[in-house]
Amino acid sequence: MTEDRLPTMGYWARAVLTVAAIVAVLAAAWSVRNILLLVLVAGVLAVGLDPQVRWLQRHRVSRTWAVVLIVVLSLGFLLLFAWLVIPQALRQVHALAASTPGYITRLQDSGGLVGELQARFNLSDRLHEVADRLPELAIGSIPKITQGAGSALFNVLTVAVLTIYFLTGLERGRSMAAGLLAGSDPERNARILDESIERIGGYVSGNLFISLIAGTLAFIVLEILHVPFASALGLWVAIADLIPGVGAMLGAIVCVIVALFVSLGAGIAVAVYFVVYQRFENYVILPRVMGKAIDLSAPAVIITLLIGSSLAGLAGALLALPVVATIKVIVREMWPATAAVPEATRRAQPP
């Protein structure tokens, strides 16, 4: 029997250098993780918008002009939202500022529970103090607001520009990726790539469909309750609902605040509607739509979103479902027996 020999010094040197290189790459990636997340988000959006671009290509529109058309429509949608919301919001803020003295006078003369609270806590004096300090607070908050708005604008512009570049060169990127992944089984690897792209596209399309449902239902409810600016608020709900995790809450808060200016009952009714709808969306609409779009079960969709948002916040919630759907495609193609088990189980069941 031959004795086992220890690896040579060259082997250990290569192993140490390999581990050091991997650690260095991971450390570098961690230091720029925010930029990498923006790149990943842009990539997911580009793949998700690709079906619309290819649909335009099938109708004899070149890919460049198809991307331009998609971008113009997106900008038009945002400009429509700004046109509907910003002038109305400015008028409402001006009207609120002009009505504040009257609200304070009414508060001083009110009776019942409100009058008792006014006598005990001097609410009118406190409101006067807050109104007098508003300019100072606003000026002091300008640097923080400017910094936060600048950072958010930079991220949005970065994602938008990268999405346009990725969308324009997606066909070339797909061909390059297919060549790099050819390996020993090029047909299988090509199927993995195409199906992964299809799942990511389905995820983005499903997200847009869910946001359309949220905005339409919000518009109907706000119209029934005679809340002003129902169309603008419905549009806001649809846009905010695209943001995983916190988007639904952002859309609801604005609608509730506007409804409270109508009446307390309208504000409560709008709040109750959004609480009920968000539960319905999270546990009924989203799992069913996403389950069909990316081929994941309803529990898997919910668990994946929870884990993704816990690990990486907003970006994690946005990327979790495409990543898991891609992993499922890879596992199913690499180990076909895992996909054949449910089919065999179904065939074994009695009719």
Foldseek 3Di string as FASTA:
>chain_A
DDDDDDDDPVVVVVVVVVVVVVVVVVVVCVVPVVVVLLLVLLLLVLLQCLVQLVVVVVVVDDSLVSLVVVVVVVVVLVVVLCVLPVVVVVVVVVVCVVCVVVVLVCQCPDDDPSVVCCVVPVVSVVSVVCVVCVVVVVVVCVVVVVVVVVVVVVSVVSSVVSNSVCNSCVVVVLVVVLVVQCPPPSVLSNVLSVLLSQLSNLVSVLQLVLLLVQLVVQLVLCVVLVQPSSNSLSSQLSVLSSQPDCSLVVSLVVSLVSLVVVDPVSSVVSNVVSVVVVVCCLQPVVQVSSCVRLVDHSVVLNVQLVVQCVVPNRSRNVCRSSVVSSVVSVCCSVPVVVVCVVVVVVVPDDD
